[in-house]
Each structure stands twice: as C-alpha cells, then as structure tokens.
C-alpha cells in the first residue's frame, strides 16, 4: 500500500491579526465610537481598522 504524504497546510484566506493597537479615550468618546460602529453594523475593532486603513490610503474611500 502506498503511503500518502500530507499536503502542506495552506495559509488561511484571512490574514491572522495578532498585533494590538491601544488608544486612550474618555468613556464618553468610547460610547460615541461604539455607537458609530454599531450604526455601520460592525464590531468596534473592525470599524476602527477600516477607518484607519482608509485614512492611510490602504482601502478605498467609502462612498456615502
């Protein structure tokens, strides 16, 4: 019986996000940011990531 070699694991289609960015905000600012993320139907981290990447020119500007 022939022995099959395992195929190497393919990297996930989504890049793994291991780094953490922290920022200081007041409780009032945090509530406002969370509310904005929820209005867009996103979790806070995803909303902030999109905002930052658009500002950095990595993602296209959002069409309103």
C-alpha atoms as a PDB file:
ATOM      1  CA  UNK A   1       0.000   0.000   0.000  1.00  0.00           C
ATOM      2  CA  UNK A   2       1.418   3.397  -0.989  1.00  0.00           C
ATOM      3  CA  UNK A   3       1.932   5.931   1.755  1.00  0.00           C
ATOM      4  CA  UNK A   4       0.361   9.295   1.059  1.00  0.00           C
ATOM      5  CA  UNK A   5       2.274  12.364   2.055  1.00  0.00           C
ATOM      6  CA  UNK A   6       0.313  15.084   3.759  1.00  0.00           C
ATOM      7  CA  UNK A   7      -0.094  18.252   1.768  1.00  0.00           C
ATOM      8  CA  UNK A   8       1.369  21.289   3.477  1.00  0.00           C
ATOM      9  CA  UNK A   9      -1.257  23.374   5.239  1.00  0.00           C
ATOM     10  CA  UNK A  10      -2.403  26.301   3.146  1.00  0.00           C
ATOM     11  CA  UNK A  11      -2.434  29.680   4.788  1.00  0.00           C
ATOM     12  CA  UNK A  12      -5.865  30.956   5.700  1.00  0.00           C
ATOM     13  CA  UNK A  13      -7.516  33.257   3.206  1.00  0.00           C
ATOM     14  CA  UNK A  14      -7.816  35.798   6.002  1.00  0.00           C
ATOM     15  CA  UNK A  15      -4.579  37.177   7.365  1.00  0.00           C
ATOM     16  CA  UNK A  16      -4.134  36.473  11.038  1.00  0.00           C
ATOM     17  CA  UNK A  17      -4.353  39.606  13.152  1.00  0.00           C
ATOM     18  CA  UNK A  18      -2.004  39.239  16.103  1.00  0.00           C
ATOM     19  CA  UNK A  19      -0.852  42.806  16.760  1.00  0.00           C
ATOM     20  CA  UNK A  20      -2.821  45.025  19.106  1.00  0.00           C
ATOM     21  CA  UNK A  21      -3.098  48.812  18.962  1.00  0.00           C
ATOM     22  CA  UNK A  22      -4.263  50.602  22.083  1.00  0.00           C
ATOM     23  CA  UNK A  23      -5.525  54.156  22.346  1.00  0.00           C
ATOM     24  CA  UNK A  24      -6.700  56.340  25.180  1.00  0.00           C
ATOM     25  CA  UNK A  25     -10.230  57.746  25.057  1.00  0.00           C
ATOM     26  CA  UNK A  26     -12.699  59.026  27.604  1.00  0.00           C
ATOM     27  CA  UNK A  27     -15.713  56.893  28.457  1.00  0.00           C
ATOM     28  CA  UNK A  28     -17.915  59.353  26.544  1.00  0.00           C
ATOM     29  CA  UNK A  29     -15.688  59.123  23.459  1.00  0.00           C
ATOM     30  CA  UNK A  30     -15.710  55.341  23.668  1.00  0.00           C
ATOM     31  CA  UNK A  31     -19.509  55.225  23.778  1.00  0.00           C
ATOM     32  CA  UNK A  32     -19.689  57.517  20.738  1.00  0.00           C
ATOM     33  CA  UNK A  33     -17.196  55.361  18.794  1.00  0.00           C
ATOM     34  CA  UNK A  34     -19.037  52.146  19.686  1.00  0.00           C
ATOM     35  CA  UNK A  35     -22.344  53.707  18.615  1.00  0.00           C
ATOM     36  CA  UNK A  36     -20.834  54.690  15.241  1.00  0.00           C
ATOM     37  CA  UNK A  37     -19.526  51.147  14.719  1.00  0.00           C
ATOM     38  CA  UNK A  38     -22.912  49.674  15.582  1.00  0.00           C
ATOM     39  CA  UNK A  39     -24.660  52.024  13.134  1.00  0.00           C
ATOM     40  CA  UNK A  40     -22.446  50.549  10.406  1.00  0.00           C
ATOM     41  CA  UNK A  41     -23.147  47.016  11.638  1.00  0.00           C
ATOM     42  CA  UNK A  42     -19.527  46.346  12.597  1.00  0.00           C
ATOM     43  CA  UNK A  43     -17.669  45.343  15.712  1.00  0.00           C
ATOM     44  CA  UNK A  44     -15.580  48.128  17.206  1.00  0.00           C
ATOM     45  CA  UNK A  45     -12.222  46.703  16.108  1.00  0.00           C
ATOM     46  CA  UNK A  46     -13.383  46.136  12.521  1.00  0.00           C
ATOM     47  CA  UNK A  47     -14.844  49.651  12.322  1.00  0.00           C
ATOM     48  CA  UNK A  48     -11.678  51.269  13.676  1.00  0.00           C
ATOM     49  CA  UNK A  49      -9.485  49.150  11.381  1.00  0.00           C
ATOM     50  CA  UNK A  50     -11.483  50.223   8.306  1.00  0.00           C
ATOM     51  CA  UNK A  51     -11.387  53.876   9.349  1.00  0.00           C
ATOM     52  CA  UNK A  52      -7.626  53.801   9.914  1.00  0.00           C
ATOM     53  CA  UNK A  53      -6.858  51.885   6.712  1.00  0.00           C
ATOM     54  CA  UNK A  54      -8.965  54.288   4.642  1.00  0.00           C
ATOM     55  CA  UNK A  55      -7.147  57.252   6.177  1.00  0.00           C
ATOM     56  CA  UNK A  56      -3.835  55.554   5.389  1.00  0.00           C
ATOM     57  CA  UNK A  57      -4.880  55.032   1.762  1.00  0.00           C
ATOM     58  CA  UNK A  58      -4.839  51.231   2.031  1.00  0.00           C
ATOM     59  CA  UNK A  59      -8.607  50.904   1.497  1.00  0.00           C
ATOM     60  CA  UNK A  60     -10.646  52.944  -0.977  1.00  0.00           C
ATOM     61  CA  UNK A  61     -12.645  55.854   0.419  1.00  0.00           C
ATOM     62  CA  UNK A  62     -16.167  54.928   1.499  1.00  0.00           C
ATOM     63  CA  UNK A  63     -18.978  56.058  -0.754  1.00  0.00           C
ATOM     64  CA  UNK A  64     -21.734  57.734   1.262  1.00  0.00           C
END
